[in-house]
Amino acid sequence: MEKFSQHIFNRTLRNVKNHIGNGYQHLKRIAHGIDHGINIAKQVYAAVEPVIRHVAGNNNNFHHHAMRALGGYENMRNQVAEANHHVANAGHRLGGLI
């Protein structure tokens, strides 16, 4: 069994940092893919929305629910962007320590 040393501690800290960084980057790629899909869905909905309004007439609950869902998504997206900003700032501050 290896004795605890500064070298082992530094190597372990680098490994942890790399795993967290890789996981964070993977999560960002997934979020980007979801955002891209939502943007495509918005474009499709914008194209078919006049037809939905025409067919549904005054009883258009679908449009109301779709707009609520998009509003909720935009709110969540803004919160995630803010959290990403805080994580990036913390990472830059910690960068010199690790």
PDB file of N, CA and C in Angstrom:
ATOM      1  N   MET A   1       0.834  -1.171   0.000  1.00  0.00           N
ATOM      2  CA  MET A   1       0.000   0.000   0.000  1.00  0.00           C
ATOM      3  C   MET A   1       0.889   1.248   0.000  1.00  0.00           C
ATOM      4  N   GLU A   2       0.531   2.213  -0.823  1.00  0.00           N
ATOM      5  CA  GLU A   2       1.321   3.434  -0.933  1.00  0.00           C
ATOM      6  C   GLU A   2       1.095   4.323   0.274  1.00  0.00           C
ATOM      7  N   LYS A   3       2.153   4.997   0.660  1.00  0.00           N
ATOM      8  CA  LYS A   3       2.025   5.968   1.732  1.00  0.00           C
ATOM      9  C   LYS A   3       1.392   7.225   1.168  1.00  0.00           C
ATOM     10  N   PHE A   4       0.654   7.905   2.016  1.00  0.00           N
ATOM     11  CA  PHE A   4       0.048   9.165   1.604  1.00  0.00           C
ATOM     12  C   PHE A   4       1.161  10.177   1.370  1.00  0.00           C
ATOM     13  N   SER A   5       1.105  10.811   0.214  1.00  0.00           N
ATOM     14  CA  SER A   5       2.112  11.829  -0.088  1.00  0.00           C
ATOM     15  C   SER A   5       1.449  12.965  -0.855  1.00  0.00           C
ATOM     16  N   GLN A   6       2.172  14.057  -0.979  1.00  0.00           N
ATOM     17  CA  GLN A   6       1.663  15.213  -1.722  1.00  0.00           C
ATOM     18  C   GLN A   6       1.418  14.836  -3.180  1.00  0.00           C
ATOM     19  N   HIS A   7       2.300  14.000  -3.741  1.00  0.00           N
ATOM     20  CA  HIS A   7       2.154  13.580  -5.130  1.00  0.00           C
ATOM     21  C   HIS A   7       0.849  12.801  -5.329  1.00  0.00           C
ATOM     22  N   ILE A   8       0.578  11.867  -4.432  1.00  0.00           N
ATOM     23  CA  ILE A   8      -0.646  11.066  -4.532  1.00  0.00           C
ATOM     24  C   ILE A   8      -1.869  11.969  -4.369  1.00  0.00           C
ATOM     25  N   PHE A   9      -1.806  12.878  -3.424  1.00  0.00           N
ATOM     26  CA  PHE A   9      -2.911  13.810  -3.209  1.00  0.00           C
ATOM     27  C   PHE A   9      -3.156  14.655  -4.455  1.00  0.00           C
ATOM     28  N   ASN A  10      -2.107  15.208  -5.049  1.00  0.00           N
ATOM     29  CA  ASN A  10      -2.244  16.043  -6.251  1.00  0.00           C
ATOM     30  C   ASN A  10      -2.802  15.237  -7.425  1.00  0.00           C
ATOM     31  N   ARG A  11      -2.312  13.999  -7.584  1.00  0.00           N
ATOM     32  CA  ARG A  11      -2.809  13.148  -8.665  1.00  0.00           C
ATOM     33  C   ARG A  11      -4.292  12.846  -8.475  1.00  0.00           C
ATOM     34  N   THR A  12      -4.688  12.530  -7.263  1.00  0.00           N
ATOM     35  CA  THR A  12      -6.095  12.255  -6.967  1.00  0.00           C
ATOM     36  C   THR A  12      -6.956  13.491  -7.221  1.00  0.00           C
ATOM     37  N   LEU A  13      -6.460  14.642  -6.802  1.00  0.00           N
ATOM     38  CA  LEU A  13      -7.196  15.886  -7.024  1.00  0.00           C
ATOM     39  C   LEU A  13      -7.359  16.178  -8.515  1.00  0.00           C
ATOM     40  N   ARG A  14      -6.309  15.947  -9.306  1.00  0.00           N
ATOM     41  CA  ARG A  14      -6.400  16.126 -10.765  1.00  0.00           C
ATOM     42  C   ARG A  14      -7.404  15.162 -11.376  1.00  0.00           C
ATOM     43  N   ASN A  15      -7.390  13.915 -10.925  1.00  0.00           N
ATOM     44  CA  ASN A  15      -8.343  12.920 -11.439  1.00  0.00           C
ATOM     45  C   ASN A  15      -9.779  13.321 -11.128  1.00  0.00           C
ATOM     46  N   VAL A  16     -10.020  13.769  -9.897  1.00  0.00           N
ATOM     47  CA  VAL A  16     -11.363  14.207  -9.520  1.00  0.00           C
ATOM     48  C   VAL A  16     -11.775  15.398 -10.380  1.00  0.00           C
ATOM     49  N   LYS A  17     -10.867  16.359 -10.536  1.00  0.00           N
ATOM     50  CA  LYS A  17     -11.150  17.541 -11.355  1.00  0.00           C
ATOM     51  C   LYS A  17     -11.472  17.139 -12.793  1.00  0.00           C
ATOM     52  N   ASN A  18     -10.714  16.216 -13.346  1.00  0.00           N
ATOM     53  CA  ASN A  18     -10.962  15.765 -14.718  1.00  0.00           C
ATOM     54  C   ASN A  18     -12.308  15.060 -14.848  1.00  0.00           C
ATOM     55  N   HIS A  19     -12.656  14.211 -13.881  1.00  0.00           N
ATOM     56  CA  HIS A  19     -13.949  13.512 -13.936  1.00  0.00           C
ATOM     57  C   HIS A  19     -15.103  14.505 -13.843  1.00  0.00           C
ATOM     58  N   ILE A  20     -15.001  15.458 -12.934  1.00  0.00           N
ATOM     59  CA  ILE A  20     -16.059  16.463 -12.805  1.00  0.00           C
ATOM     60  C   ILE A  20     -16.151  17.295 -14.075  1.00  0.00           C
ATOM     61  N   GLY A  21     -15.011  17.713 -14.606  1.00  0.00           N
ATOM     62  CA  GLY A  21     -15.003  18.506 -15.838  1.00  0.00           C
ATOM     63  C   GLY A  21     -15.585  17.753 -17.016  1.00  0.00           C
ATOM     64  N   ASN A  22     -15.236  16.476 -17.156  1.00  0.00           N
ATOM     65  CA  ASN A  22     -15.777  15.671 -18.252  1.00  0.00           C
ATOM     66  C   ASN A  22     -17.285  15.483 -18.114  1.00  0.00           C
ATOM     67  N   GLY A  23     -17.740  15.224 -16.892  1.00  0.00           N
ATOM     68  CA  GLY A  23     -19.176  15.086 -16.665  1.00  0.00           C
ATOM     69  C   GLY A  23     -19.920  16.380 -16.951  1.00  0.00           C
ATOM     70  N   TYR A  24     -19.335  17.486 -16.561  1.00  0.00           N
ATOM     71  CA  TYR A  24     -19.950  18.795 -16.790  1.00  0.00           C
ATOM     72  C   TYR A  24     -20.041  19.084 -18.290  1.00  0.00           C
ATOM     73  N   GLN A  25     -18.988  18.811 -19.030  1.00  0.00           N
ATOM     74  CA  GLN A  25     -18.999  19.032 -20.475  1.00  0.00           C
ATOM     75  C   GLN A  25     -20.025  18.129 -21.157  1.00  0.00           C
ATOM     76  N   HIS A  26     -20.135  16.893 -20.688  1.00  0.00           N
ATOM     77  CA  HIS A  26     -21.115  15.961 -21.248  1.00  0.00           C
ATOM     78  C   HIS A  26     -22.531  16.487 -20.999  1.00  0.00           C
ATOM     79  N   LEU A  27     -22.778  16.968 -19.786  1.00  0.00           N
ATOM     80  CA  LEU A  27     -24.085  17.524 -19.448  1.00  0.00           C
ATOM     81  C   LEU A  27     -24.394  18.747 -20.312  1.00  0.00           C
ATOM     82  N   LYS A  28     -23.387  19.580 -20.580  1.00  0.00           N
ATOM     83  CA  LYS A  28     -23.602  20.751 -21.439  1.00  0.00           C
ATOM     84  C   LYS A  28     -23.959  20.328 -22.862  1.00  0.00           C
ATOM     85  N   ARG A  29     -23.318  19.268 -23.373  1.00  0.00           N
ATOM     86  CA  ARG A  29     -23.651  18.776 -24.719  1.00  0.00           C
ATOM     87  C   ARG A  29     -25.087  18.261 -24.774  1.00  0.00           C
ATOM     88  N   ILE A  30     -25.503  17.558 -23.733  1.00  0.00           N
ATOM     89  CA  ILE A  30     -26.876  17.060 -23.679  1.00  0.00           C
ATOM     90  C   ILE A  30     -27.856  18.234 -23.654  1.00  0.00           C
ATOM     91  N   ALA A  31     -27.577  19.230 -22.821  1.00  0.00           N
ATOM     92  CA  ALA A  31     -28.450  20.400 -22.720  1.00  0.00           C
ATOM     93  C   ALA A  31     -28.516  21.149 -24.053  1.00  0.00           C
ATOM     94  N   HIS A  32     -27.386  21.239 -24.743  1.00  0.00           N
ATOM     95  CA  HIS A  32     -27.370  21.903 -26.050  1.00  0.00           C
ATOM     96  C   HIS A  32     -28.252  21.134 -27.036  1.00  0.00           C
ATOM     97  N   GLY A  33     -28.183  19.816 -27.010  1.00  0.00           N
ATOM     98  CA  GLY A  33     -29.026  19.000 -27.888  1.00  0.00           C
ATOM     99  C   GLY A  33     -30.507  19.194 -27.592  1.00  0.00           C
ATOM    100  N   ILE A  34     -30.855  19.250 -26.308  1.00  0.00           N
ATOM    101  CA  ILE A  34     -32.252  19.487 -25.932  1.00  0.00           C
ATOM    102  C   ILE A  34     -32.692  20.864 -26.412  1.00  0.00           C
ATOM    103  N   ASP A  35     -31.852  21.864 -26.208  1.00  0.00           N
ATOM    104  CA  ASP A  35     -32.187  23.223 -26.633  1.00  0.00           C
ATOM    105  C   ASP A  35     -32.370  23.293 -28.148  1.00  0.00           C
ATOM    106  N   HIS A  36     -31.516  22.611 -28.872  1.00  0.00           N
ATOM    107  CA  HIS A  36     -31.638  22.574 -30.330  1.00  0.00           C
ATOM    108  C   HIS A  36     -32.973  21.927 -30.738  1.00  0.00           C
ATOM    109  N   GLY A  37     -33.334  20.837 -30.076  1.00  0.00           N
ATOM    110  CA  GLY A  37     -34.604  20.171 -30.355  1.00  0.00           C
ATOM    111  C   GLY A  37     -35.796  21.067 -30.052  1.00  0.00           C
ATOM    112  N   ILE A  38     -35.742  21.798 -28.955  1.00  0.00           N
ATOM    113  CA  ILE A  38     -36.828  22.719 -28.604  1.00  0.00           C
ATOM    114  C   ILE A  38     -36.937  23.823 -29.651  1.00  0.00           C
ATOM    115  N   ASN A  39     -35.805  24.339 -30.118  1.00  0.00           N
ATOM    116  CA  ASN A  39     -35.845  25.379 -31.146  1.00  0.00           C
ATOM    117  C   ASN A  39     -36.470  24.868 -32.443  1.00  0.00           C
ATOM    118  N   ILE A  40     -36.182  23.640 -32.804  1.00  0.00           N
ATOM    119  CA  ILE A  40     -36.808  23.042 -33.992  1.00  0.00           C
ATOM    120  C   ILE A  40     -38.314  22.877 -33.755  1.00  0.00           C
ATOM    121  N   ALA A  41     -38.691  22.422 -32.554  1.00  0.00           N
ATOM    122  CA  ALA A  41     -40.115  22.258 -32.233  1.00  0.00           C
ATOM    123  C   ALA A  41     -40.841  23.605 -32.290  1.00  0.00           C
ATOM    124  N   LYS A  42     -40.188  24.670 -31.850  1.00  0.00           N
ATOM    125  CA  LYS A  42     -40.797  26.006 -31.927  1.00  0.00           C
ATOM    126  C   LYS A  42     -41.045  26.407 -33.375  1.00  0.00           C
ATOM    127  N   GLN A  43     -40.085  26.120 -34.243  1.00  0.00           N
ATOM    128  CA  GLN A  43     -40.244  26.464 -35.661  1.00  0.00           C
ATOM    129  C   GLN A  43     -41.380  25.663 -36.294  1.00  0.00           C
ATOM    130  N   VAL A  44     -41.450  24.388 -35.954  1.00  0.00           N
ATOM    131  CA  VAL A  44     -42.523  23.544 -36.486  1.00  0.00           C
ATOM    132  C   VAL A  44     -43.870  24.040 -35.967  1.00  0.00           C
ATOM    133  N   TYR A  45     -43.926  24.333 -34.677  1.00  0.00           N
ATOM    134  CA  TYR A  45     -45.194  24.807 -34.105  1.00  0.00           C
ATOM    135  C   TYR A  45     -45.613  26.135 -34.731  1.00  0.00           C
ATOM    136  N   ALA A  46     -44.659  27.030 -34.972  1.00  0.00           N
ATOM    137  CA  ALA A  46     -44.987  28.309 -35.610  1.00  0.00           C
ATOM    138  C   ALA A  46     -45.590  28.083 -37.001  1.00  0.00           C
ATOM    139  N   ALA A  47     -45.134  27.045 -37.677  1.00  0.00           N
ATOM    140  CA  ALA A  47     -45.649  26.762 -39.017  1.00  0.00           C
ATOM    141  C   ALA A  47     -47.058  26.160 -38.984  1.00  0.00           C
ATOM    142  N   VAL A  48     -47.341  25.320 -37.996  1.00  0.00           N
ATOM    143  CA  VAL A  48     -48.637  24.646 -37.957  1.00  0.00           C
ATOM    144  C   VAL A  48     -49.654  25.347 -37.055  1.00  0.00           C
ATOM    145  N   GLU A  49     -49.223  26.320 -36.299  1.00  0.00           N
ATOM    146  CA  GLU A  49     -50.112  26.994 -35.352  1.00  0.00           C
ATOM    147  C   GLU A  49     -51.329  27.639 -36.018  1.00  0.00           C
ATOM    148  N   PRO A  50     -51.192  28.290 -37.170  1.00  0.00           N
ATOM    149  CA  PRO A  50     -52.397  28.849 -37.808  1.00  0.00           C
ATOM    150  C   PRO A  50     -53.437  27.773 -38.152  1.00  0.00           C
ATOM    151  N   VAL A  51     -52.986  26.619 -38.566  1.00  0.00           N
ATOM    152  CA  VAL A  51     -53.909  25.531 -38.888  1.00  0.00           C
ATOM    153  C   VAL A  51     -54.603  25.048 -37.610  1.00  0.00           C
ATOM    154  N   ILE A  52     -53.835  24.907 -36.536  1.00  0.00           N
ATOM    155  CA  ILE A  52     -54.418  24.469 -35.254  1.00  0.00           C
ATOM    156  C   ILE A  52     -55.467  25.476 -34.793  1.00  0.00           C
ATOM    157  N   ARG A  53     -55.157  26.757 -34.891  1.00  0.00           N
ATOM    158  CA  ARG A  53     -56.123  27.797 -34.488  1.00  0.00           C
ATOM    159  C   ARG A  53     -57.397  27.709 -35.342  1.00  0.00           C
ATOM    160  N   HIS A  54     -57.233  27.485 -36.640  1.00  0.00           N
ATOM    161  CA  HIS A  54     -58.382  27.411 -37.535  1.00  0.00           C
ATOM    162  C   HIS A  54     -59.264  26.197 -37.212  1.00  0.00           C
ATOM    163  N   VAL A  55     -58.625  25.059 -36.987  1.00  0.00           N
ATOM    164  CA  VAL A  55     -59.370  23.832 -36.719  1.00  0.00           C
ATOM    165  C   VAL A  55     -60.012  23.875 -35.335  1.00  0.00           C
ATOM    166  N   ALA A  56     -59.288  24.379 -34.343  1.00  0.00           N
ATOM    167  CA  ALA A  56     -59.786  24.371 -32.968  1.00  0.00           C
ATOM    168  C   ALA A  56     -60.803  25.474 -32.714  1.00  0.00           C
ATOM    169  N   GLY A  57     -60.740  26.541 -33.467  1.00  0.00           N
ATOM    170  CA  GLY A  57     -61.678  27.644 -33.257  1.00  0.00           C
ATOM    171  C   GLY A  57     -61.460  28.309 -31.916  1.00  0.00           C
ATOM    172  N   ASN A  58     -62.549  28.621 -31.210  1.00  0.00           N
ATOM    173  CA  ASN A  58     -62.457  29.309 -29.920  1.00  0.00           C
ATOM    174  C   ASN A  58     -61.982  28.402 -28.795  1.00  0.00           C
ATOM    175  N   ASN A  59     -62.131  27.121 -28.955  1.00  0.00           N
ATOM    176  CA  ASN A  59     -61.742  26.167 -27.920  1.00  0.00           C
ATOM    177  C   ASN A  59     -60.309  25.700 -28.171  1.00  0.00           C
ATOM    178  N   ASN A  60     -59.353  26.576 -28.002  1.00  0.00           N
ATOM    179  CA  ASN A  60     -57.974  26.261 -28.356  1.00  0.00           C
ATOM    180  C   ASN A  60     -57.111  26.108 -27.104  1.00  0.00           C
ATOM    181  N   ASN A  61     -57.364  25.069 -26.335  1.00  0.00           N
ATOM    182  CA  ASN A  61     -56.558  24.792 -25.149  1.00  0.00           C
ATOM    183  C   ASN A  61     -55.153  24.337 -25.511  1.00  0.00           C
ATOM    184  N   PHE A  62     -55.012  23.717 -26.669  1.00  0.00           N
ATOM    185  CA  PHE A  62     -53.699  23.221 -27.090  1.00  0.00           C
ATOM    186  C   PHE A  62     -52.701  24.371 -27.180  1.00  0.00           C
ATOM    187  N   HIS A  63     -53.103  25.464 -27.799  1.00  0.00           N
ATOM    188  CA  HIS A  63     -52.208  26.617 -27.941  1.00  0.00           C
ATOM    189  C   HIS A  63     -51.827  27.171 -26.566  1.00  0.00           C
ATOM    190  N   HIS A  64     -52.796  27.262 -25.678  1.00  0.00           N
ATOM    191  CA  HIS A  64     -52.524  27.763 -24.326  1.00  0.00           C
ATOM    192  C   HIS A  64     -51.499  26.883 -23.615  1.00  0.00           C
ATOM    193  N   HIS A  65     -51.677  25.578 -23.687  1.00  0.00           N
ATOM    194  CA  HIS A  65     -50.748  24.652 -23.025  1.00  0.00           C
ATOM    195  C   HIS A  65     -49.369  24.677 -23.687  1.00  0.00           C
ATOM    196  N   ALA A  66     -49.337  24.789 -24.998  1.00  0.00           N
ATOM    197  CA  ALA A  66     -48.049  24.850 -25.694  1.00  0.00           C
ATOM    198  C   ALA A  66     -47.286  26.106 -25.295  1.00  0.00           C
ATOM    199  N   MET A  67     -47.967  27.238 -25.201  1.00  0.00           N
ATOM    200  CA  MET A  67     -47.308  28.480 -24.811  1.00  0.00           C
ATOM    201  C   MET A  67     -46.835  28.433 -23.360  1.00  0.00           C
ATOM    202  N   ARG A  68     -47.639  27.818 -22.489  1.00  0.00           N
ATOM    203  CA  ARG A  68     -47.214  27.652 -21.089  1.00  0.00           C
ATOM    204  C   ARG A  68     -45.979  26.770 -20.994  1.00  0.00           C
ATOM    205  N   ALA A  69     -45.967  25.691 -21.776  1.00  0.00           N
ATOM    206  CA  ALA A  69     -44.816  24.779 -21.758  1.00  0.00           C
ATOM    207  C   ALA A  69     -43.567  25.491 -22.264  1.00  0.00           C
ATOM    208  N   LEU A  70     -43.694  26.251 -23.347  1.00  0.00           N
ATOM    209  CA  LEU A  70     -42.537  26.980 -23.870  1.00  0.00           C
ATOM    210  C   LEU A  70     -42.071  28.041 -22.888  1.00  0.00           C
ATOM    211  N   GLY A  71     -43.001  28.713 -22.233  1.00  0.00           N
ATOM    212  CA  GLY A  71     -42.627  29.704 -21.219  1.00  0.00           C
ATOM    213  C   GLY A  71     -41.891  29.052 -20.057  1.00  0.00           C
ATOM    214  N   GLY A  72     -42.378  27.899 -19.622  1.00  0.00           N
ATOM    215  CA  GLY A  72     -41.703  27.159 -18.551  1.00  0.00           C
ATOM    216  C   GLY A  72     -40.311  26.712 -18.962  1.00  0.00           C
ATOM    217  N   TYR A  73     -40.196  26.264 -20.210  1.00  0.00           N
ATOM    218  CA  TYR A  73     -38.880  25.856 -20.705  1.00  0.00           C
ATOM    219  C   TYR A  73     -37.926  27.048 -20.729  1.00  0.00           C
ATOM    220  N   GLU A  74     -38.388  28.186 -21.220  1.00  0.00           N
ATOM    221  CA  GLU A  74     -37.528  29.381 -21.288  1.00  0.00           C
ATOM    222  C   GLU A  74     -37.093  29.807 -19.891  1.00  0.00           C
ATOM    223  N   ASN A  75     -37.998  29.727 -18.919  1.00  0.00           N
ATOM    224  CA  ASN A  75     -37.660  30.070 -17.546  1.00  0.00           C
ATOM    225  C   ASN A  75     -36.576  29.127 -17.011  1.00  0.00           C
ATOM    226  N   MET A  76     -36.770  27.821 -17.235  1.00  0.00           N
ATOM    227  CA  MET A  76     -35.782  26.838 -16.792  1.00  0.00           C
ATOM    228  C   MET A  76     -34.450  27.045 -17.509  1.00  0.00           C
ATOM    229  N   ARG A  77     -34.505  27.344 -18.791  1.00  0.00           N
ATOM    230  CA  ARG A  77     -33.291  27.575 -19.575  1.00  0.00           C
ATOM    231  C   ARG A  77     -32.512  28.766 -19.016  1.00  0.00           C
ATOM    232  N   ASN A  78     -33.211  29.830 -18.647  1.00  0.00           N
ATOM    233  CA  ASN A  78     -32.546  30.995 -18.062  1.00  0.00           C
ATOM    234  C   ASN A  78     -31.908  30.665 -16.721  1.00  0.00           C
ATOM    235  N   GLN A  79     -32.578  29.845 -15.914  1.00  0.00           N
ATOM    236  CA  GLN A  79     -32.006  29.435 -14.633  1.00  0.00           C
ATOM    237  C   GLN A  79     -30.755  28.588 -14.837  1.00  0.00           C
ATOM    238  N   VAL A  80     -30.798  27.691 -15.825  1.00  0.00           N
ATOM    239  CA  VAL A  80     -29.629  26.851 -16.120  1.00  0.00           C
ATOM    240  C   VAL A  80     -28.475  27.703 -16.626  1.00  0.00           C
ATOM    241  N   ALA A  81     -28.776  28.684 -17.473  1.00  0.00           N
ATOM    242  CA  ALA A  81     -27.726  29.576 -17.989  1.00  0.00           C
ATOM    243  C   ALA A  81     -27.084  30.361 -16.850  1.00  0.00           C
ATOM    244  N   GLU A  82     -27.894  30.813 -15.897  1.00  0.00           N
ATOM    245  CA  GLU A  82     -27.358  31.539 -14.750  1.00  0.00           C
ATOM    246  C   GLU A  82     -26.483  30.628 -13.887  1.00  0.00           C
ATOM    247  N   ALA A  83     -26.948  29.397 -13.660  1.00  0.00           N
ATOM    248  CA  ALA A  83     -26.163  28.435 -12.880  1.00  0.00           C
ATOM    249  C   ALA A  83     -24.854  28.117 -13.599  1.00  0.00           C
ATOM    250  N   ASN A  84     -24.903  27.978 -14.919  1.00  0.00           N
ATOM    251  CA  ASN A  84     -23.691  27.721 -15.697  1.00  0.00           C
ATOM    252  C   ASN A  84     -22.705  28.868 -15.541  1.00  0.00           C
ATOM    253  N   HIS A  85     -23.211  30.090 -15.535  1.00  0.00           N
ATOM    254  CA  HIS A  85     -22.355  31.261 -15.346  1.00  0.00           C
ATOM    255  C   HIS A  85     -21.654  31.202 -13.984  1.00  0.00           C
ATOM    256  N   HIS A  86     -22.400  30.839 -12.941  1.00  0.00           N
ATOM    257  CA  HIS A  86     -21.812  30.743 -11.601  1.00  0.00           C
ATOM    258  C   HIS A  86     -20.776  29.626 -11.525  1.00  0.00           C
ATOM    259  N   VAL A  87     -21.072  28.496 -12.156  1.00  0.00           N
ATOM    260  CA  VAL A  87     -20.120  27.373 -12.157  1.00  0.00           C
ATOM    261  C   VAL A  87     -18.849  27.765 -12.905  1.00  0.00           C
ATOM    262  N   ALA A  88     -18.990  28.452 -14.045  1.00  0.00           N
ATOM    263  CA  ALA A  88     -17.820  28.877 -14.814  1.00  0.00           C
ATOM    264  C   ALA A  88     -16.965  29.843 -13.997  1.00  0.00           C
ATOM    265  N   ASN A  89     -17.613  30.775 -13.297  1.00  0.00           N
ATOM    266  CA  ASN A  89     -16.850  31.714 -12.462  1.00  0.00           C
ATOM    267  C   ASN A  89     -16.123  30.988 -11.338  1.00  0.00           C
ATOM    268  N   ALA A  90     -16.806  30.060 -10.695  1.00  0.00           N
ATOM    269  CA  ALA A  90     -16.164  29.296  -9.621  1.00  0.00           C
ATOM    270  C   ALA A  90     -15.013  28.476 -10.171  1.00  0.00           C
ATOM    271  N   GLY A  91     -15.195  27.897 -11.343  1.00  0.00           N
ATOM    272  CA  GLY A  91     -14.123  27.111 -11.961  1.00  0.00           C
ATOM    273  C   GLY A  91     -12.909  27.963 -12.271  1.00  0.00           C
ATOM    274  N   HIS A  92     -13.122  29.176 -12.741  1.00  0.00           N
ATOM    275  CA  HIS A  92     -11.994  30.069 -13.032  1.00  0.00           C
ATOM    276  C   HIS A  92     -11.272  30.469 -11.745  1.00  0.00           C
ATOM    277  N   ARG A  93     -12.041  30.713 -10.685  1.00  0.00           N
ATOM    278  CA  ARG A  93     -11.411  31.087  -9.415  1.00  0.00           C
ATOM    279  C   ARG A  93     -10.616  29.920  -8.825  1.00  0.00           C
ATOM    280  N   LEU A  94     -11.160  28.703  -8.991  1.00  0.00           N
ATOM    281  CA  LEU A  94     -10.484  27.520  -8.439  1.00  0.00           C
ATOM    282  C   LEU A  94      -9.364  27.009  -9.336  1.00  0.00           C
ATOM    283  N   GLY A  95      -9.353  27.441 -10.590  1.00  0.00           N
ATOM    284  CA  GLY A  95      -8.384  26.937 -11.550  1.00  0.00           C
ATOM    285  C   GLY A  95      -6.949  27.056 -11.091  1.00  0.00           C
ATOM    286  N   GLY A  96      -6.609  28.125 -10.441  1.00  0.00           N
ATOM    287  CA  GLY A  96      -5.243  28.317  -9.973  1.00  0.00           C
ATOM    288  C   GLY A  96      -4.900  27.477  -8.760  1.00  0.00           C
ATOM    289  N   LEU A  97      -5.915  27.004  -8.060  1.00  0.00           N
ATOM    290  CA  LEU A  97      -5.663  26.230  -6.845  1.00  0.00           C
ATOM    291  C   LEU A  97      -5.400  24.764  -7.131  1.00  0.00           C
ATOM    292  N   ILE A  98      -5.911  24.289  -8.268  1.00  0.00           N
ATOM    293  CA  ILE A  98      -5.799  22.846  -8.561  1.00  0.00           C
ATOM    294  C   ILE A  98      -4.753  22.620  -9.628  1.00  0.00           C
TER     295      ILE A  98
END
